[in-house]
Protein backbone atom coordinates (compact mmCIF):
# COMPACT_ATOMS: atom_id res chain seq x y z
CA MET A 1 0.00 0.00 0.00
CA ILE A 2 2.78 2.45 0.92
CA LYS A 3 4.66 1.58 -2.27
CA ASN A 4 1.61 2.51 -4.36
CA ILE A 5 1.28 5.82 -2.51
CA SER A 6 4.99 6.43 -3.05
CA LYS A 7 4.65 5.80 -6.79
CA ILE A 8 1.65 8.15 -7.02
CA CYS A 9 3.58 10.79 -5.09
CA SER A 10 6.56 10.36 -7.43
CA PHE A 11 4.32 10.75 -10.48
CA LEU A 12 2.72 13.88 -9.05
CA LEU A 13 6.16 15.33 -8.29
CA LEU A 14 7.34 14.74 -11.85
CA PHE A 15 4.10 16.24 -13.18
CA LEU A 16 4.46 19.36 -11.01
CA PHE A 17 8.11 19.74 -12.01
CA ALA A 18 7.05 19.56 -15.67
CA VAL A 19 4.33 22.17 -15.09
CA LEU A 20 6.78 24.48 -13.32
CA ALA A 21 9.39 23.96 -16.04
CA LEU A 22 6.86 24.95 -18.70
CA ASN A 23 6.22 28.15 -16.79
CA GLU A 24 9.92 28.79 -16.23
CA PHE A 25 10.72 28.48 -19.94
CA GLN A 26 7.66 30.65 -20.73
CA ILE A 27 5.93 27.98 -22.81
CA MET A 28 2.88 28.41 -20.60
CA ASN A 29 2.32 31.43 -18.39
CA TYR A 30 0.53 31.10 -15.07
CA SER A 31 -0.61 33.79 -12.72
CA ALA A 32 1.53 34.53 -9.69
CA ASP A 33 -1.00 32.94 -7.34
CA LEU A 34 -1.20 29.72 -9.33
CA LYS A 35 2.59 29.53 -9.50
CA LYS A 36 2.80 29.92 -5.72
CA ILE A 37 0.24 27.12 -5.32
CA PHE A 38 2.32 24.83 -7.55
CA TYR A 39 5.46 25.68 -5.54
CA PHE A 40 3.65 24.93 -2.27
CA LEU A 41 2.26 21.60 -3.53
CA THR A 42 5.71 20.62 -4.77
CA LEU A 43 7.24 21.50 -1.40
CA ILE A 44 4.65 19.42 0.46
CA LEU A 45 5.08 16.45 -1.88
CA ILE A 46 8.88 16.56 -1.62
CA MET A 47 8.71 16.54 2.18
CA PHE A 48 6.04 13.78 2.19
CA SER A 49 8.07 11.63 -0.20
CA SER A 50 11.28 12.08 1.80
CA VAL A 51 9.64 11.34 5.14
CA THR A 52 7.88 8.19 3.84
CA THR A 53 11.20 7.01 2.41
CA LEU A 54 12.91 7.56 5.75
CA LEU A 55 10.20 5.71 7.65
CA THR A 56 9.48 2.78 5.34
CA ASN A 57 12.55 2.09 3.19
CA LYS A 58 15.20 -0.37 4.35
CA SER A 59 17.90 0.74 1.94
CA GLY A 60 20.51 2.96 3.55
CA PHE A 61 21.31 4.68 0.26
CA PHE A 62 17.74 5.84 -0.35
CA LYS A 63 17.50 7.05 3.25
CA PHE A 64 20.70 9.03 2.74
CA VAL A 65 19.32 10.55 -0.48
CA SER A 66 16.11 11.51 1.34
CA VAL A 67 18.04 13.21 4.13
CA VAL A 68 20.13 15.12 1.56
CA ILE A 69 16.93 16.17 -0.26
CA MET A 70 15.37 17.47 2.96
CA LEU A 71 18.51 19.30 4.04
CA ALA A 72 18.92 20.89 0.60
CA LEU A 73 15.25 21.91 0.65
CA VAL A 74 15.53 23.53 4.07
CA ALA A 75 18.83 25.27 3.27
CA GLY A 76 17.54 26.41 -0.12
CA GLY A 77 14.35 27.72 1.46
CA ILE A 78 16.25 29.75 4.02
CA ILE A 79 18.62 31.12 1.38
CA SER A 80 15.74 31.97 -0.97
CA ILE A 81 14.05 33.91 1.84
CA LEU A 82 17.21 35.95 2.37
CA LYS A 83 17.89 36.35 -1.34
CA PRO A 84 14.82 35.70 -3.54
CA GLY A 85 15.10 33.29 -6.43
CA LEU A 86 16.44 29.80 -7.07
CA ASN A 87 19.83 28.89 -5.65
CA ILE A 88 22.21 25.96 -5.85
CA SER A 89 20.62 24.18 -2.87
CA LEU A 90 17.21 24.22 -4.50
CA TYR A 91 18.69 22.98 -7.78
CA VAL A 92 20.35 20.09 -5.91
CA CYS A 93 17.04 19.31 -4.22
CA ILE A 94 15.16 19.39 -7.54
CA ILE A 95 17.69 17.19 -9.36
CA LEU A 96 17.85 14.62 -6.56
CA THR A 97 14.05 14.56 -6.27
CA VAL A 98 13.61 14.02 -10.00
CA VAL A 99 16.18 11.22 -10.06
CA TYR A 100 14.68 9.58 -6.98
CA SER A 101 11.15 9.86 -8.40
CA LEU A 102 12.21 8.25 -11.67
CA VAL A 103 13.97 5.43 -9.78
CA ASP A 104 10.93 4.99 -7.55
CA MET A 105 8.53 4.79 -10.46
CA PHE A 106 10.45 2.69 -12.95
CA TYR A 107 13.27 0.82 -11.23
CA LYS A 108 11.86 -0.33 -7.92
CA VAL A 109 9.68 -3.42 -8.03
CA ALA A 110 6.20 -3.05 -6.56
């Protein structure tokens, strides 16, 4: 049951990253409020995915990746509050989350 929820969460994360990338490259333009909603949902899903991985996964490597994702998200959030915009910590968090979501969806056996 948890593995199915994890796969759904990974799919939603990849979908939200694609939606935000379309807005970033100005292929589709969203209002500022809708963009903030997408950012918030992505933040919540990243934290939910990392916490479920920490609590349910037995692999030490995936737990380590989840801890790095959460630390990069927290550090990037603090830095983006001090200096608005994306920074290297948020890029690390995004790249690790995308890679982990792809591994979770396609590589791991249900």
